[in-house]
Amino acid sequence: MKPLATDALLVIDMQSDFCPGGSLAVDEGDSIVPLINKLGRRFEHVILTQDWHPEGHISFASAHPGSQPYTVTEVAYGPQTLWPDHCLKGSSGAAFHPALDLPHAELIVRKGFRREIDSYSAFLENDHRTPTGLAGYVRERGLKRLFLCGLAYDFCVRFSAIDGTALGFECIVIEDASKAVGLPGSVESTNEAFADAGIKRERSDV
């Protein structure tokens, strides 16, 4: 992998709450931090996303009396997986993992900050209509190809890659620099979705 001047590394949600010890920990989620740091040093352009939820967010099981985390409910924009409270804006859990070392990152995209809508994708909220503004930034900077990594492979990395591809960018998922939540069938359906969208899955070579 030799990044071009029009490539960017898109690092998805490398936050403390998604790592061991956090409220929505991905198994071994912190293990990819050193690799992401190495990858970041190869890219001129690095963009970070950050889950940034208010209290009572629609994705929290606690906001739906009688509901349990990891179940699915229907909301105005369709099915919504319910999660433990996580990444409350301004909290230590919402902060980037302390070992993440990407000082040249040029943009942080915060998502999920509207109480009544979740946002897995770096590009669109979960109604699949409301933009985050990232697509406009990437276009105005003249970036063409996006390499995605981070947490979690089967949710936010997945939806970011699919939406980015639909918006006209070439998206490549770096598998060994991503970790999955691993709900029943979620990794398999993610791999199928990537194949259907023509999204490449590659391994780093650092």
Protein backbone atom coordinates (compact mmCIF):
# COMPACT_ATOMS: atom_id res chain seq x y z
CA MET A 1 0.00 0.00 0.00
CA LYS A 2 1.58 3.23 -1.16
CA PRO A 3 -0.79 6.15 -0.50
CA LEU A 4 -1.22 8.78 -3.16
CA ALA A 5 -1.59 12.50 -2.55
CA THR A 6 -5.33 12.11 -3.21
CA ASP A 7 -5.75 9.28 -0.67
CA ALA A 8 -6.95 9.62 2.91
CA LEU A 9 -6.99 7.33 5.92
CA LEU A 10 -10.45 7.44 7.52
CA VAL A 11 -10.18 6.24 11.12
CA ILE A 12 -13.57 5.30 12.51
CA ASP A 13 -14.50 5.77 16.19
CA MET A 14 -11.27 4.77 17.92
CA GLN A 15 -12.75 5.83 21.27
CA SER A 16 -12.31 4.58 24.81
CA ASP A 17 -15.90 3.34 25.19
CA PHE A 18 -15.39 0.99 22.24
CA CYS A 19 -12.21 -0.48 23.70
CA PRO A 20 -11.77 -2.94 26.60
CA GLY A 21 -12.99 -1.34 29.80
CA GLY A 22 -15.46 0.87 27.94
CA SER A 23 -19.24 0.69 28.11
CA LEU A 24 -19.59 -0.75 24.58
CA ALA A 25 -16.28 -2.54 24.26
CA VAL A 26 -15.31 -4.35 21.08
CA ASP A 27 -13.28 -7.44 21.89
CA GLU A 28 -9.60 -6.52 21.52
CA GLY A 29 -10.61 -3.18 20.06
CA ASP A 30 -7.50 -1.55 21.48
CA SER A 31 -5.20 -4.07 19.80
CA ILE A 32 -5.42 -2.26 16.45
CA VAL A 33 -4.25 1.11 17.79
CA PRO A 34 -0.53 0.53 17.12
CA LEU A 35 -1.25 -0.56 13.57
CA ILE A 36 -3.48 2.45 12.94
CA ASN A 37 -0.72 4.72 14.24
CA LYS A 38 1.73 3.12 11.80
CA LEU A 39 -0.73 3.46 8.92
CA GLY A 40 -1.38 7.07 9.80
CA ARG A 41 2.27 7.94 9.39
CA ARG A 42 2.08 6.81 5.75
CA PHE A 43 -0.83 9.07 4.85
CA GLU A 44 -0.63 12.80 4.21
CA HIS A 45 -4.37 13.04 4.87
CA VAL A 46 -5.99 11.52 7.97
CA ILE A 47 -9.61 12.01 9.04
CA LEU A 48 -11.09 10.82 12.34
CA THR A 49 -14.71 10.18 13.30
CA GLN A 50 -16.03 10.42 16.83
CA ASP A 51 -19.34 9.16 18.24
CA TRP A 52 -20.70 12.07 20.28
CA HIS A 53 -24.05 11.32 21.93
CA PRO A 54 -26.28 13.39 24.23
CA GLU A 55 -27.91 11.78 27.24
CA GLY A 56 -31.07 9.88 26.34
CA HIS A 57 -29.89 9.23 22.79
CA ILE A 58 -32.28 7.17 20.66
CA SER A 59 -29.69 4.40 20.25
CA PHE A 60 -29.47 3.80 24.01
CA ALA A 61 -31.52 0.89 25.36
CA SER A 62 -31.99 3.00 28.51
CA ALA A 63 -34.01 5.49 26.44
CA HIS A 64 -36.57 2.77 25.61
CA PRO A 65 -38.18 1.52 28.86
CA GLY A 66 -38.27 -2.26 29.03
CA SER A 67 -35.73 -2.73 26.24
CA GLN A 68 -32.40 -4.51 26.51
CA PRO A 69 -29.08 -3.70 24.82
CA TYR A 70 -28.31 -5.54 21.58
CA THR A 71 -31.99 -5.84 20.64
CA VAL A 72 -33.61 -4.03 17.71
CA THR A 73 -36.51 -1.60 17.83
CA GLU A 74 -38.37 0.38 15.18
CA VAL A 75 -37.91 4.14 15.13
CA ALA A 76 -39.04 6.79 12.64
CA TYR A 77 -36.25 6.01 10.17
CA GLY A 78 -36.41 2.21 10.45
CA PRO A 79 -34.77 -0.53 12.53
CA GLN A 80 -32.42 0.65 15.26
CA THR A 81 -30.09 -1.59 17.24
CA LEU A 82 -30.13 -0.58 20.90
CA TRP A 83 -26.83 -0.24 22.74
CA PRO A 84 -25.61 0.41 26.27
CA ASP A 85 -25.13 4.12 26.96
CA HIS A 86 -21.84 5.08 25.33
CA CYS A 87 -19.73 7.98 24.04
CA LEU A 88 -21.59 10.67 25.96
CA LYS A 89 -20.33 13.96 24.61
CA GLY A 90 -17.50 15.39 26.68
CA SER A 91 -17.01 12.17 28.66
CA SER A 92 -13.80 10.18 29.05
CA GLY A 93 -15.49 7.32 27.19
CA ALA A 94 -16.07 9.54 24.16
CA ALA A 95 -12.41 10.55 24.07
CA PHE A 96 -10.09 8.91 21.58
CA HIS A 97 -8.10 5.97 22.92
CA PRO A 98 -5.15 7.51 24.78
CA ALA A 99 -2.62 5.56 22.70
CA LEU A 100 -4.01 6.83 19.38
CA ASP A 101 -1.24 9.01 17.97
CA LEU A 102 -2.33 10.84 14.82
CA PRO A 103 -1.37 14.46 15.48
CA HIS A 104 -1.56 15.39 11.80
CA ALA A 105 -5.23 14.40 11.49
CA GLU A 106 -6.84 17.31 9.66
CA LEU A 107 -10.51 16.77 10.52
CA ILE A 108 -12.64 15.23 13.28
CA VAL A 109 -16.20 14.40 12.24
CA ARG A 110 -18.54 14.10 15.21
CA LYS A 111 -21.64 12.02 14.61
CA GLY A 112 -24.71 10.89 16.52
CA PHE A 113 -25.06 14.21 18.32
CA ARG A 114 -28.75 14.62 17.42
CA ARG A 115 -30.82 12.90 20.10
CA GLU A 116 -33.48 11.51 17.76
CA ILE A 117 -31.27 9.92 15.12
CA ASP A 118 -28.27 7.62 15.23
CA SER A 119 -25.32 7.85 12.88
CA TYR A 120 -23.17 4.83 12.07
CA SER A 121 -21.80 6.23 8.82
CA ALA A 122 -19.18 8.94 8.58
CA PHE A 123 -21.17 10.35 5.64
CA LEU A 124 -24.89 10.00 6.41
CA GLU A 125 -27.00 9.62 9.49
CA ASN A 126 -29.16 6.53 9.86
CA ASP A 127 -32.07 7.98 7.91
CA HIS A 128 -29.67 7.66 4.93
CA ARG A 129 -30.51 11.24 3.94
CA THR A 130 -28.99 13.65 6.46
CA PRO A 131 -25.35 14.37 5.53
CA THR A 132 -22.55 14.83 8.05
CA GLY A 133 -20.67 17.18 5.71
CA LEU A 134 -17.75 14.81 5.22
CA ALA A 135 -18.46 14.19 1.52
CA GLY A 136 -18.25 17.90 0.78
CA TYR A 137 -14.99 18.22 2.69
CA VAL A 138 -13.43 15.25 0.88
CA ARG A 139 -14.50 16.59 -2.53
CA GLU A 140 -13.28 20.13 -1.86
CA ARG A 141 -9.91 18.77 -0.74
CA GLY A 142 -9.65 16.78 -3.98
CA LEU A 143 -9.43 13.43 -2.21
CA LYS A 144 -10.44 10.41 -4.29
CA ARG A 145 -9.63 7.20 -2.45
CA LEU A 146 -10.44 6.43 1.19
CA PHE A 147 -8.86 3.68 3.28
CA LEU A 148 -11.11 2.85 6.22
CA CYS A 149 -10.17 1.27 9.54
CA GLY A 150 -11.27 1.31 13.16
CA LEU A 151 -14.37 0.34 15.10
CA ALA A 152 -16.48 -1.43 14.43
CA TYR A 153 -15.99 -3.40 11.22
CA ASP A 154 -19.60 -4.61 11.06
CA PHE A 155 -21.29 -1.31 11.92
CA CYS A 156 -19.65 2.09 11.55
CA VAL A 157 -16.83 0.98 9.25
CA ARG A 158 -19.37 -0.94 7.15
CA PHE A 159 -21.86 1.90 6.73
CA SER A 160 -19.12 4.48 6.14
CA ALA A 161 -17.60 2.41 3.33
CA ILE A 162 -20.95 1.71 1.69
CA ASP A 163 -22.10 5.32 1.85
CA GLY A 164 -18.72 6.63 0.70
CA THR A 165 -18.84 4.31 -2.29
CA ALA A 166 -22.39 5.37 -3.15
CA LEU A 167 -21.24 8.99 -3.02
CA GLY A 168 -18.57 8.33 -5.64
CA PHE A 169 -15.42 7.71 -3.61
CA GLU A 170 -13.28 4.60 -3.91
CA CYS A 171 -13.40 2.97 -0.48
CA ILE A 172 -11.05 0.24 0.70
CA VAL A 173 -11.45 -1.43 4.09
CA ILE A 174 -8.26 -2.41 5.90
CA GLU A 175 -9.34 -5.62 7.60
CA ASP A 176 -6.49 -6.12 10.06
CA ALA A 177 -6.85 -2.50 11.25
CA SER A 178 -10.54 -3.03 12.11
CA LYS A 179 -12.40 -5.07 14.72
CA ALA A 180 -16.02 -6.24 14.70
CA VAL A 181 -18.74 -6.18 17.35
CA GLY A 182 -19.70 -9.62 16.09
CA LEU A 183 -23.46 -9.81 16.67
CA PRO A 184 -25.02 -12.97 15.16
CA GLY A 185 -24.50 -12.81 11.40
CA SER A 186 -23.16 -9.25 11.41
CA VAL A 187 -19.70 -10.00 10.02
CA GLU A 188 -21.07 -12.30 7.32
CA SER A 189 -23.64 -9.74 6.20
CA THR A 190 -20.95 -7.05 6.19
CA ASN A 191 -18.71 -9.10 3.93
CA GLU A 192 -21.65 -9.73 1.59
CA ALA A 193 -22.53 -6.03 1.55
CA PHE A 194 -18.95 -5.11 0.68
CA ALA A 195 -18.92 -7.65 -2.14
CA ASP A 196 -22.22 -6.37 -3.50
CA ALA A 197 -20.94 -2.78 -3.44
CA GLY A 198 -17.58 -3.68 -5.00
CA ILE A 199 -15.68 -2.57 -1.89
CA LYS A 200 -12.21 -4.08 -1.57
CA ARG A 201 -11.08 -5.66 1.67
CA GLU A 202 -7.32 -5.55 2.07
CA ARG A 203 -4.70 -6.12 4.72
CA SER A 204 -2.12 -3.56 5.70
CA ASP A 205 1.48 -4.12 4.71
CA VAL A 206 3.13 -2.16 7.51
